[in-house]
Amino acid sequence: LAAMIDDRVKRAYVRQSLAADPVYAEWRSIDQFNALNPARVHVPTLLLQGEHDPIARTPAQARFFTRLGTADREWVTIAGADHAAILETTQPQVVSATIDFLERARN
């Protein structure tokens, strides 16, 4: 799976992330996201998940998604992707899913 991201892209991403914010570029306390209460989310929500994401695993995503406070929600799994699907060869699928979500009719 690591081969899905070109080494040049990895290096550029790290360089730009550290330049933008050297403190928060690396999450060392990923449990900080546990403070987010999905029931308090009342805006249209698109949940994108890489099929092979080792961080955001399906059971956790399912708990989050089903507890969202909005009925206007969509969960898309990007086939073959890892956690950084937007940087991987799966980028076109991420972009397409995002555009589809943004452009779909809302009640």
PDB file of N, CA and C in Angstrom:
ATOM      1  N   LEU A   1       0.810  -1.206   0.000  1.00  0.00           N
ATOM      2  CA  LEU A   1       0.000   0.000   0.000  1.00  0.00           C
ATOM      3  C   LEU A   1       0.851   1.266   0.000  1.00  0.00           C
ATOM      4  N   ALA A   2       1.983   1.225   0.638  1.00  0.00           N
ATOM      5  CA  ALA A   2       2.834   2.411   0.694  1.00  0.00           C
ATOM      6  C   ALA A   2       3.273   2.841  -0.704  1.00  0.00           C
ATOM      7  N   ALA A   3       3.337   1.910  -1.634  1.00  0.00           N
ATOM      8  CA  ALA A   3       3.764   2.236  -2.987  1.00  0.00           C
ATOM      9  C   ALA A   3       2.719   3.060  -3.736  1.00  0.00           C
ATOM     10  N   MET A   4       1.540   3.229  -3.162  1.00  0.00           N
ATOM     11  CA  MET A   4       0.493   4.001  -3.821  1.00  0.00           C
ATOM     12  C   MET A   4       0.824   5.486  -3.852  1.00  0.00           C
ATOM     13  N   ILE A   5       1.745   5.909  -3.011  1.00  0.00           N
ATOM     14  CA  ILE A   5       2.133   7.313  -2.966  1.00  0.00           C
ATOM     15  C   ILE A   5       3.569   7.436  -3.460  1.00  0.00           C
ATOM     16  N   ASP A   6       3.763   8.244  -4.464  1.00  0.00           N
ATOM     17  CA  ASP A   6       5.078   8.483  -5.019  1.00  0.00           C
ATOM     18  C   ASP A   6       5.978   9.114  -3.951  1.00  0.00           C
ATOM     19  N   ASP A   7       7.232   8.703  -3.885  1.00  0.00           N
ATOM     20  CA  ASP A   7       8.167   9.235  -2.889  1.00  0.00           C
ATOM     21  C   ASP A   7       8.326  10.750  -2.983  1.00  0.00           C
ATOM     22  N   ARG A   8       8.285  11.291  -4.192  1.00  0.00           N
ATOM     23  CA  ARG A   8       8.384  12.750  -4.355  1.00  0.00           C
ATOM     24  C   ARG A   8       7.195  13.449  -3.707  1.00  0.00           C
ATOM     25  N   VAL A   9       6.024  12.858  -3.831  1.00  0.00           N
ATOM     26  CA  VAL A   9       4.814  13.432  -3.222  1.00  0.00           C
ATOM     27  C   VAL A   9       4.937  13.384  -1.705  1.00  0.00           C
ATOM     28  N   LYS A  10       5.419  12.277  -1.177  1.00  0.00           N
ATOM     29  CA  LYS A  10       5.600  12.156   0.274  1.00  0.00           C
ATOM     30  C   LYS A  10       6.534  13.244   0.797  1.00  0.00           C
ATOM     31  N   ARG A  11       7.672  13.400   0.135  1.00  0.00           N
ATOM     32  CA  ARG A  11       8.652  14.402   0.578  1.00  0.00           C
ATOM     33  C   ARG A  11       8.078  15.818   0.485  1.00  0.00           C
ATOM     34  N   ALA A  12       7.381  16.109  -0.587  1.00  0.00           N
ATOM     35  CA  ALA A  12       6.780  17.440  -0.759  1.00  0.00           C
ATOM     36  C   ALA A  12       5.712  17.686   0.300  1.00  0.00           C
ATOM     37  N   TYR A  13       4.927  16.681   0.595  1.00  0.00           N
ATOM     38  CA  TYR A  13       3.879  16.813   1.611  1.00  0.00           C
ATOM     39  C   TYR A  13       4.482  17.097   2.986  1.00  0.00           C
ATOM     40  N   VAL A  14       5.491  16.348   3.355  1.00  0.00           N
ATOM     41  CA  VAL A  14       6.152  16.556   4.648  1.00  0.00           C
ATOM     42  C   VAL A  14       6.778  17.946   4.708  1.00  0.00           C
ATOM     43  N   ARG A  15       7.462  18.340   3.655  1.00  0.00           N
ATOM     44  CA  ARG A  15       8.104  19.655   3.604  1.00  0.00           C
ATOM     45  C   ARG A  15       7.069  20.779   3.757  1.00  0.00           C
ATOM     46  N   GLN A  16       5.986  20.701   3.024  1.00  0.00           N
ATOM     47  CA  GLN A  16       4.956  21.737   3.077  1.00  0.00           C
ATOM     48  C   GLN A  16       4.216  21.738   4.413  1.00  0.00           C
ATOM     49  N   SER A  17       3.941  20.563   4.958  1.00  0.00           N
ATOM     50  CA  SER A  17       3.255  20.469   6.253  1.00  0.00           C
ATOM     51  C   SER A  17       4.084  21.095   7.353  1.00  0.00           C
ATOM     52  N   LEU A  18       5.364  20.769   7.377  1.00  0.00           N
ATOM     53  CA  LEU A  18       6.242  21.324   8.407  1.00  0.00           C
ATOM     54  C   LEU A  18       6.428  22.828   8.233  1.00  0.00           C
ATOM     55  N   ALA A  19       6.468  23.290   6.996  1.00  0.00           N
ATOM     56  CA  ALA A  19       6.607  24.728   6.753  1.00  0.00           C
ATOM     57  C   ALA A  19       5.348  25.473   7.189  1.00  0.00           C
ATOM     58  N   ALA A  20       4.187  24.863   6.982  1.00  0.00           N
ATOM     59  CA  ALA A  20       2.924  25.515   7.324  1.00  0.00           C
ATOM     60  C   ALA A  20       2.704  25.546   8.830  1.00  0.00           C
ATOM     61  N   ASP A  21       3.037  24.460   9.508  1.00  0.00           N
ATOM     62  CA  ASP A  21       2.814  24.406  10.943  1.00  0.00           C
ATOM     63  C   ASP A  21       3.666  23.298  11.548  1.00  0.00           C
ATOM     64  N   PRO A  22       4.866  23.621  11.993  1.00  0.00           N
ATOM     65  CA  PRO A  22       5.782  22.596  12.496  1.00  0.00           C
ATOM     66  C   PRO A  22       5.302  21.926  13.789  1.00  0.00           C
ATOM     67  N   VAL A  23       4.381  22.539  14.495  1.00  0.00           N
ATOM     68  CA  VAL A  23       3.896  21.950  15.745  1.00  0.00           C
ATOM     69  C   VAL A  23       2.808  20.915  15.480  1.00  0.00           C
ATOM     70  N   TYR A  24       1.849  21.254  14.618  1.00  0.00           N
ATOM     71  CA  TYR A  24       0.695  20.383  14.421  1.00  0.00           C
ATOM     72  C   TYR A  24       0.767  19.524  13.172  1.00  0.00           C
ATOM     73  N   ALA A  25       1.877  19.541  12.469  1.00  0.00           N
ATOM     74  CA  ALA A  25       1.992  18.747  11.252  1.00  0.00           C
ATOM     75  C   ALA A  25       1.931  17.252  11.554  1.00  0.00           C
ATOM     76  N   GLU A  26       2.367  16.872  12.723  1.00  0.00           N
ATOM     77  CA  GLU A  26       2.317  15.460  13.107  1.00  0.00           C
ATOM     78  C   GLU A  26       1.420  15.325  14.329  1.00  0.00           C
ATOM     79  N   TRP A  27       0.403  14.493  14.210  1.00  0.00           N
ATOM     80  CA  TRP A  27      -0.505  14.277  15.341  1.00  0.00           C
ATOM     81  C   TRP A  27       0.075  13.193  16.228  1.00  0.00           C
ATOM     82  N   ARG A  28       0.444  13.577  17.416  1.00  0.00           N
ATOM     83  CA  ARG A  28       0.979  12.607  18.363  1.00  0.00           C
ATOM     84  C   ARG A  28      -0.096  12.147  19.339  1.00  0.00           C
ATOM     85  N   SER A  29      -1.171  12.880  19.401  1.00  0.00           N
ATOM     86  CA  SER A  29      -2.271  12.542  20.301  1.00  0.00           C
ATOM     87  C   SER A  29      -3.549  12.407  19.492  1.00  0.00           C
ATOM     88  N   ILE A  30      -3.602  11.344  18.706  1.00  0.00           N
ATOM     89  CA  ILE A  30      -4.740  11.172  17.812  1.00  0.00           C
ATOM     90  C   ILE A  30      -6.045  11.021  18.598  1.00  0.00           C
ATOM     91  N   ASP A  31      -5.932  10.672  19.864  1.00  0.00           N
ATOM     92  CA  ASP A  31      -7.130  10.544  20.680  1.00  0.00           C
ATOM     93  C   ASP A  31      -7.819  11.885  20.910  1.00  0.00           C
ATOM     94  N   GLN A  32      -7.161  12.994  20.504  1.00  0.00           N
ATOM     95  CA  GLN A  32      -7.794  14.310  20.633  1.00  0.00           C
ATOM     96  C   GLN A  32      -9.097  14.369  19.826  1.00  0.00           C
ATOM     97  N   PHE A  33      -9.215  13.543  18.805  1.00  0.00           N
ATOM     98  CA  PHE A  33     -10.435  13.536  17.996  1.00  0.00           C
ATOM     99  C   PHE A  33     -11.611  12.907  18.745  1.00  0.00           C
ATOM    100  N   ASN A  34     -11.345  12.211  19.826  1.00  0.00           N
ATOM    101  CA  ASN A  34     -12.422  11.622  20.620  1.00  0.00           C
ATOM    102  C   ASN A  34     -13.303  12.683  21.262  1.00  0.00           C
ATOM    103  N   ALA A  35     -12.811  13.914  21.329  1.00  0.00           N
ATOM    104  CA  ALA A  35     -13.595  15.002  21.908  1.00  0.00           C
ATOM    105  C   ALA A  35     -14.732  15.432  20.986  1.00  0.00           C
ATOM    106  N   LEU A  36     -14.659  15.079  19.714  1.00  0.00           N
ATOM    107  CA  LEU A  36     -15.704  15.446  18.772  1.00  0.00           C
ATOM    108  C   LEU A  36     -16.946  14.602  19.010  1.00  0.00           C
ATOM    109  N   ASN A  37     -18.039  15.267  19.316  1.00  0.00           N
ATOM    110  CA  ASN A  37     -19.312  14.593  19.537  1.00  0.00           C
ATOM    111  C   ASN A  37     -20.089  14.617  18.223  1.00  0.00           C
ATOM    112  N   PRO A  38     -20.211  13.482  17.540  1.00  0.00           N
ATOM    113  CA  PRO A  38     -20.879  13.482  16.237  1.00  0.00           C
ATOM    114  C   PRO A  38     -22.340  13.932  16.311  1.00  0.00           C
ATOM    115  N   ALA A  39     -22.985  13.759  17.433  1.00  0.00           N
ATOM    116  CA  ALA A  39     -24.381  14.185  17.572  1.00  0.00           C
ATOM    117  C   ALA A  39     -24.523  15.698  17.463  1.00  0.00           C
ATOM    118  N   ARG A  40     -23.433  16.421  17.678  1.00  0.00           N
ATOM    119  CA  ARG A  40     -23.472  17.888  17.600  1.00  0.00           C
ATOM    120  C   ARG A  40     -23.152  18.412  16.209  1.00  0.00           C
ATOM    121  N   VAL A  41     -22.924  17.510  15.266  1.00  0.00           N
ATOM    122  CA  VAL A  41     -22.648  17.898  13.879  1.00  0.00           C
ATOM    123  C   VAL A  41     -23.984  17.965  13.140  1.00  0.00           C
ATOM    124  N   HIS A  42     -24.372  19.168  12.751  1.00  0.00           N
ATOM    125  CA  HIS A  42     -25.670  19.379  12.108  1.00  0.00           C
ATOM    126  C   HIS A  42     -25.541  19.982  10.712  1.00  0.00           C
ATOM    127  N   VAL A  43     -24.445  19.749  10.071  1.00  0.00           N
ATOM    128  CA  VAL A  43     -24.210  20.239   8.714  1.00  0.00           C
ATOM    129  C   VAL A  43     -24.056  19.030   7.791  1.00  0.00           C
ATOM    130  N   PRO A  44     -24.286  19.212   6.496  1.00  0.00           N
ATOM    131  CA  PRO A  44     -24.056  18.096   5.570  1.00  0.00           C
ATOM    132  C   PRO A  44     -22.641  17.550   5.753  1.00  0.00           C
ATOM    133  N   THR A  45     -22.539  16.238   5.817  1.00  0.00           N
ATOM    134  CA  THR A  45     -21.258  15.615   6.145  1.00  0.00           C
ATOM    135  C   THR A  45     -20.927  14.494   5.174  1.00  0.00           C
ATOM    136  N   LEU A  46     -19.729  14.573   4.616  1.00  0.00           N
ATOM    137  CA  LEU A  46     -19.207  13.520   3.756  1.00  0.00           C
ATOM    138  C   LEU A  46     -18.084  12.827   4.503  1.00  0.00           C
ATOM    139  N   LEU A  47     -18.225  11.555   4.728  1.00  0.00           N
ATOM    140  CA  LEU A  47     -17.192  10.753   5.379  1.00  0.00           C
ATOM    141  C   LEU A  47     -16.495   9.945   4.292  1.00  0.00           C
ATOM    142  N   LEU A  48     -15.228  10.222   4.088  1.00  0.00           N
ATOM    143  CA  LEU A  48     -14.428   9.485   3.115  1.00  0.00           C
ATOM    144  C   LEU A  48     -13.496   8.553   3.869  1.00  0.00           C
ATOM    145  N   GLN A  49     -13.457   7.302   3.459  1.00  0.00           N
ATOM    146  CA  GLN A  49     -12.611   6.318   4.124  1.00  0.00           C
ATOM    147  C   GLN A  49     -11.866   5.501   3.091  1.00  0.00           C
ATOM    148  N   GLY A  50     -10.558   5.387   3.274  1.00  0.00           N
ATOM    149  CA  GLY A  50      -9.770   4.503   2.426  1.00  0.00           C
ATOM    150  C   GLY A  50     -10.030   3.054   2.819  1.00  0.00           C
ATOM    151  N   GLU A  51     -10.196   2.214   1.854  1.00  0.00           N
ATOM    152  CA  GLU A  51     -10.482   0.794   2.102  1.00  0.00           C
ATOM    153  C   GLU A  51      -9.469   0.156   3.045  1.00  0.00           C
ATOM    154  N   HIS A  52      -8.209   0.531   2.912  1.00  0.00           N
ATOM    155  CA  HIS A  52      -7.140  -0.072   3.705  1.00  0.00           C
ATOM    156  C   HIS A  52      -6.577   0.879   4.753  1.00  0.00           C
ATOM    157  N   ASP A  53      -7.387   1.803   5.217  1.00  0.00           N
ATOM    158  CA  ASP A  53      -6.937   2.808   6.187  1.00  0.00           C
ATOM    159  C   ASP A  53      -6.610   2.139   7.518  1.00  0.00           C
ATOM    160  N   PRO A  54      -5.337   2.194   7.947  1.00  0.00           N
ATOM    161  CA  PRO A  54      -4.962   1.552   9.210  1.00  0.00           C
ATOM    162  C   PRO A  54      -5.296   2.405  10.435  1.00  0.00           C
ATOM    163  N   ILE A  55      -5.662   3.661  10.212  1.00  0.00           N
ATOM    164  CA  ILE A  55      -5.941   4.572  11.326  1.00  0.00           C
ATOM    165  C   ILE A  55      -7.432   4.697  11.585  1.00  0.00           C
ATOM    166  N   ALA A  56      -8.187   5.018  10.552  1.00  0.00           N
ATOM    167  CA  ALA A  56      -9.637   5.210  10.682  1.00  0.00           C
ATOM    168  C   ALA A  56     -10.332   3.924  10.229  1.00  0.00           C
ATOM    169  N   ARG A  57     -10.376   2.974  11.116  1.00  0.00           N
ATOM    170  CA  ARG A  57     -10.924   1.654  10.792  1.00  0.00           C
ATOM    171  C   ARG A  57     -12.450   1.691  10.716  1.00  0.00           C
ATOM    172  N   THR A  58     -12.995   0.751   9.958  1.00  0.00           N
ATOM    173  CA  THR A  58     -14.430   0.724   9.679  1.00  0.00           C
ATOM    174  C   THR A  58     -15.307   0.717  10.933  1.00  0.00           C
ATOM    175  N   PRO A  59     -15.044  -0.071  11.968  1.00  0.00           N
ATOM    176  CA  PRO A  59     -15.927  -0.024  13.140  1.00  0.00           C
ATOM    177  C   PRO A  59     -16.009   1.371  13.780  1.00  0.00           C
ATOM    178  N   ALA A  60     -14.891   2.056  13.862  1.00  0.00           N
ATOM    179  CA  ALA A  60     -14.887   3.414  14.422  1.00  0.00           C
ATOM    180  C   ALA A  60     -15.632   4.376  13.508  1.00  0.00           C
ATOM    181  N   GLN A  61     -15.434   4.241  12.204  1.00  0.00           N
ATOM    182  CA  GLN A  61     -16.135   5.093  11.254  1.00  0.00           C
ATOM    183  C   GLN A  61     -17.643   4.861  11.336  1.00  0.00           C
ATOM    184  N   ALA A  62     -18.037   3.610  11.469  1.00  0.00           N
ATOM    185  CA  ALA A  62     -19.466   3.285  11.559  1.00  0.00           C
ATOM    186  C   ALA A  62     -20.083   3.906  12.806  1.00  0.00           C
ATOM    187  N   ARG A  63     -19.391   3.820  13.933  1.00  0.00           N
ATOM    188  CA  ARG A  63     -19.909   4.443  15.170  1.00  0.00           C
ATOM    189  C   ARG A  63     -20.066   5.951  14.985  1.00  0.00           C
ATOM    190  N   PHE A  64     -19.066   6.581  14.388  1.00  0.00           N
ATOM    191  CA  PHE A  64     -19.119   8.019  14.159  1.00  0.00           C
ATOM    192  C   PHE A  64     -20.263   8.369  13.207  1.00  0.00           C
ATOM    193  N   PHE A  65     -20.319   7.687  12.080  1.00  0.00           N
ATOM    194  CA  PHE A  65     -21.303   7.996  11.040  1.00  0.00           C
ATOM    195  C   PHE A  65     -22.733   7.839  11.547  1.00  0.00           C
ATOM    196  N   THR A  66     -23.011   6.760  12.256  1.00  0.00           N
ATOM    197  CA  THR A  66     -24.384   6.516  12.714  1.00  0.00           C
ATOM    198  C   THR A  66     -24.811   7.459  13.821  1.00  0.00           C
ATOM    199  N   ARG A  67     -23.873   8.112  14.450  1.00  0.00           N
ATOM    200  CA  ARG A  67     -24.198   9.051  15.534  1.00  0.00           C
ATOM    201  C   ARG A  67     -24.228  10.508  15.083  1.00  0.00           C
ATOM    202  N   LEU A  68     -23.968  10.755  13.802  1.00  0.00           N
ATOM    203  CA  LEU A  68     -23.999  12.129  13.315  1.00  0.00           C
ATOM    204  C   LEU A  68     -25.372  12.750  13.560  1.00  0.00           C
ATOM    205  N   GLY A  69     -25.376  14.034  13.898  1.00  0.00           N
ATOM    206  CA  GLY A  69     -26.615  14.745  14.181  1.00  0.00           C
ATOM    207  C   GLY A  69     -27.311  15.254  12.940  1.00  0.00           C
ATOM    208  N   THR A  70     -26.848  14.882  11.780  1.00  0.00           N
ATOM    209  CA  THR A  70     -27.472  15.299  10.523  1.00  0.00           C
ATOM    210  C   THR A  70     -27.898  14.079   9.728  1.00  0.00           C
ATOM    211  N   ALA A  71     -29.062  14.199   9.106  1.00  0.00           N
ATOM    212  CA  ALA A  71     -29.512  13.140   8.204  1.00  0.00           C
ATOM    213  C   ALA A  71     -28.869  13.309   6.828  1.00  0.00           C
ATOM    214  N   ASP A  72     -28.350  14.492   6.562  1.00  0.00           N
ATOM    215  CA  ASP A  72     -27.706  14.791   5.284  1.00  0.00           C
ATOM    216  C   ASP A  72     -26.249  14.366   5.381  1.00  0.00           C
ATOM    217  N   ARG A  73     -26.035  13.085   5.162  1.00  0.00           N
ATOM    218  CA  ARG A  73     -24.697  12.515   5.318  1.00  0.00           C
ATOM    219  C   ARG A  73     -24.484  11.423   4.281  1.00  0.00           C
ATOM    220  N   GLU A  74     -23.234  11.223   3.956  1.00  0.00           N
ATOM    221  CA  GLU A  74     -22.868  10.179   3.006  1.00  0.00           C
ATOM    222  C   GLU A  74     -21.518   9.612   3.410  1.00  0.00           C
ATOM    223  N   TRP A  75     -21.379   8.296   3.266  1.00  0.00           N
ATOM    224  CA  TRP A  75     -20.139   7.600   3.605  1.00  0.00           C
ATOM    225  C   TRP A  75     -19.643   6.911   2.343  1.00  0.00           C
ATOM    226  N   VAL A  76     -18.454   7.278   1.907  1.00  0.00           N
ATOM    227  CA  VAL A  76     -17.873   6.715   0.693  1.00  0.00           C
ATOM    228  C   VAL A  76     -16.558   6.034   1.055  1.00  0.00           C
ATOM    229  N   THR A  77     -16.448   4.787   0.654  1.00  0.00           N
ATOM    230  CA  THR A  77     -15.195   4.054   0.829  1.00  0.00           C
ATOM    231  C   THR A  77     -14.438   4.093  -0.494  1.00  0.00           C
ATOM    232  N   ILE A  78     -13.201   4.535  -0.426  1.00  0.00           N
ATOM    233  CA  ILE A  78     -12.362   4.635  -1.621  1.00  0.00           C
ATOM    234  C   ILE A  78     -11.591   3.319  -1.774  1.00  0.00           C
ATOM    235  N   ALA A  79     -11.972   2.546  -2.775  1.00  0.00           N
ATOM    236  CA  ALA A  79     -11.372   1.227  -3.003  1.00  0.00           C
ATOM    237  C   ALA A  79      -9.868   1.336  -3.225  1.00  0.00           C
ATOM    238  N   GLY A  80      -9.138   0.486  -2.537  1.00  0.00           N
ATOM    239  CA  GLY A  80      -7.693   0.412  -2.702  1.00  0.00           C
ATOM    240  C   GLY A  80      -6.906   1.485  -1.979  1.00  0.00           C
ATOM    241  N   ALA A  81      -7.597   2.437  -1.361  1.00  0.00           N
ATOM    242  CA  ALA A  81      -6.909   3.567  -0.733  1.00  0.00           C
ATOM    243  C   ALA A  81      -6.473   3.265   0.689  1.00  0.00           C
ATOM    244  N   ASP A  82      -5.538   4.075   1.165  1.00  0.00           N
ATOM    245  CA  ASP A  82      -5.029   4.034   2.524  1.00  0.00           C
ATOM    246  C   ASP A  82      -5.565   5.286   3.223  1.00  0.00           C
ATOM    247  N   HIS A  83      -4.885   5.753   4.252  1.00  0.00           N
ATOM    248  CA  HIS A  83      -5.347   6.920   5.010  1.00  0.00           C
ATOM    249  C   HIS A  83      -5.191   8.224   4.227  1.00  0.00           C
ATOM    250  N   ALA A  84      -4.214   8.305   3.374  1.00  0.00           N
ATOM    251  CA  ALA A  84      -3.935   9.536   2.630  1.00  0.00           C
ATOM    252  C   ALA A  84      -4.446   9.420   1.195  1.00  0.00           C
ATOM    253  N   ALA A  85      -5.677   9.019   1.040  1.00  0.00           N
ATOM    254  CA  ALA A  85      -6.242   8.746  -0.285  1.00  0.00           C
ATOM    255  C   ALA A  85      -6.122   9.917  -1.250  1.00  0.00           C
ATOM    256  N   ILE A  86      -6.156  11.130  -0.736  1.00  0.00           N
ATOM    257  CA  ILE A  86      -6.063  12.309  -1.594  1.00  0.00           C
ATOM    258  C   ILE A  86      -4.660  12.462  -2.190  1.00  0.00           C
ATOM    259  N   LEU A  87      -3.653  11.843  -1.573  1.00  0.00           N
ATOM    260  CA  LEU A  87      -2.286  11.906  -2.076  1.00  0.00           C
ATOM    261  C   LEU A  87      -1.899  10.668  -2.867  1.00  0.00           C
ATOM    262  N   GLU A  88      -2.766   9.682  -2.874  1.00  0.00           N
ATOM    263  CA  GLU A  88      -2.455   8.406  -3.499  1.00  0.00           C
ATOM    264  C   GLU A  88      -2.946   8.383  -4.945  1.00  0.00           C
ATOM    265  N   THR A  89      -2.746   7.246  -5.582  1.00  0.00           N
ATOM    266  CA  THR A  89      -3.246   7.085  -6.949  1.00  0.00           C
ATOM    267  C   THR A  89      -4.768   7.104  -6.983  1.00  0.00           C
ATOM    268  N   THR A  90      -5.399   7.081  -5.830  1.00  0.00           N
ATOM    269  CA  THR A  90      -6.860   7.118  -5.736  1.00  0.00           C
ATOM    270  C   THR A  90      -7.402   8.552  -5.689  1.00  0.00           C
ATOM    271  N   GLN A  91      -6.538   9.540  -5.865  1.00  0.00           N
ATOM    272  CA  GLN A  91      -6.963  10.940  -5.801  1.00  0.00           C
ATOM    273  C   GLN A  91      -8.176  11.235  -6.693  1.00  0.00           C
ATOM    274  N   PRO A  92      -8.242  10.734  -7.926  1.00  0.00           N
ATOM    275  CA  PRO A  92      -9.419  11.040  -8.756  1.00  0.00           C
ATOM    276  C   PRO A  92     -10.734  10.564  -8.129  1.00  0.00           C
ATOM    277  N   GLN A  93     -10.711   9.433  -7.440  1.00  0.00           N
ATOM    278  CA  GLN A  93     -11.934   8.940  -6.795  1.00  0.00           C
ATOM    279  C   GLN A  93     -12.331   9.836  -5.625  1.00  0.00           C
ATOM    280  N   VAL A  94     -11.350  10.337  -4.892  1.00  0.00           N
ATOM    281  CA  VAL A  94     -11.625  11.247  -3.777  1.00  0.00           C
ATOM    282  C   VAL A  94     -12.245  12.532  -4.308  1.00  0.00           C
ATOM    283  N   VAL A  95     -11.644  13.079  -5.341  1.00  0.00           N
ATOM    284  CA  VAL A  95     -12.151  14.326  -5.928  1.00  0.00           C
ATOM    285  C   VAL A  95     -13.561  14.110  -6.472  1.00  0.00           C
ATOM    286  N   SER A  96     -13.786  13.022  -7.173  1.00  0.00           N
ATOM    287  CA  SER A  96     -15.102  12.729  -7.738  1.00  0.00           C
ATOM    288  C   SER A  96     -16.167  12.586  -6.653  1.00  0.00           C
ATOM    289  N   ALA A  97     -15.853  11.857  -5.596  1.00  0.00           N
ATOM    290  CA  ALA A  97     -16.816  11.678  -4.501  1.00  0.00           C
ATOM    291  C   ALA A  97     -17.136  13.013  -3.840  1.00  0.00           C
ATOM    292  N   THR A  98     -16.130  13.852  -3.692  1.00  0.00           N
ATOM    293  CA  THR A  98     -16.324  15.160  -3.070  1.00  0.00           C
ATOM    294  C   THR A  98     -17.198  16.055  -3.948  1.00  0.00           C
ATOM    295  N   ILE A  99     -16.907  16.095  -5.225  1.00  0.00           N
ATOM    296  CA  ILE A  99     -17.712  16.904  -6.149  1.00  0.00           C
ATOM    297  C   ILE A  99     -19.141  16.395  -6.196  1.00  0.00           C
ATOM    298  N   ASP A 100     -19.313  15.084  -6.283  1.00  0.00           N
ATOM    299  CA  ASP A 100     -20.663  14.506  -6.300  1.00  0.00           C
ATOM    300  C   ASP A 100     -21.447  14.920  -5.062  1.00  0.00           C
ATOM    301  N   PHE A 101     -20.795  14.884  -3.912  1.00  0.00           N
ATOM    302  CA  PHE A 101     -21.461  15.265  -2.655  1.00  0.00           C
ATOM    303  C   PHE A 101     -21.838  16.735  -2.663  1.00  0.00           C
ATOM    304  N   LEU A 102     -20.930  17.587  -3.100  1.00  0.00           N
ATOM    305  CA  LEU A 102     -21.179  19.027  -3.094  1.00  0.00           C
ATOM    306  C   LEU A 102     -22.246  19.440  -4.108  1.00  0.00           C
ATOM    307  N   GLU A 103     -22.324  18.722  -5.227  1.00  0.00           N
ATOM    308  CA  GLU A 103     -23.248  19.112  -6.282  1.00  0.00           C
ATOM    309  C   GLU A 103     -24.608  18.430  -6.219  1.00  0.00           C
ATOM    310  N   ARG A 104     -24.773  17.462  -5.367  1.00  0.00           N
ATOM    311  CA  ARG A 104     -26.063  16.741  -5.351  1.00  0.00           C
ATOM    312  C   ARG A 104     -27.162  17.633  -4.790  1.00  0.00           C
ATOM    313  N   ALA A 105     -28.363  17.334  -5.197  1.00  0.00           N
ATOM    314  CA  ALA A 105     -29.517  18.123  -4.756  1.00  0.00           C
ATOM    315  C   ALA A 105     -29.747  17.935  -3.253  1.00  0.00           C
ATOM    316  N   ARG A 106     -30.081  19.014  -2.619  1.00  0.00           N
ATOM    317  CA  ARG A 106     -30.385  18.967  -1.184  1.00  0.00           C
ATOM    318  C   ARG A 106     -31.834  19.365  -0.987  1.00  0.00           C
ATOM    319  N   ASN A 107     -32.471  18.756  -0.026  1.00  0.00           N
ATOM    320  CA  ASN A 107     -33.881  19.091   0.281  1.00  0.00           C
ATOM    321  C   ASN A 107     -33.984  20.376   1.038  1.00  0.00           C
TER     322      ASN A 107
END
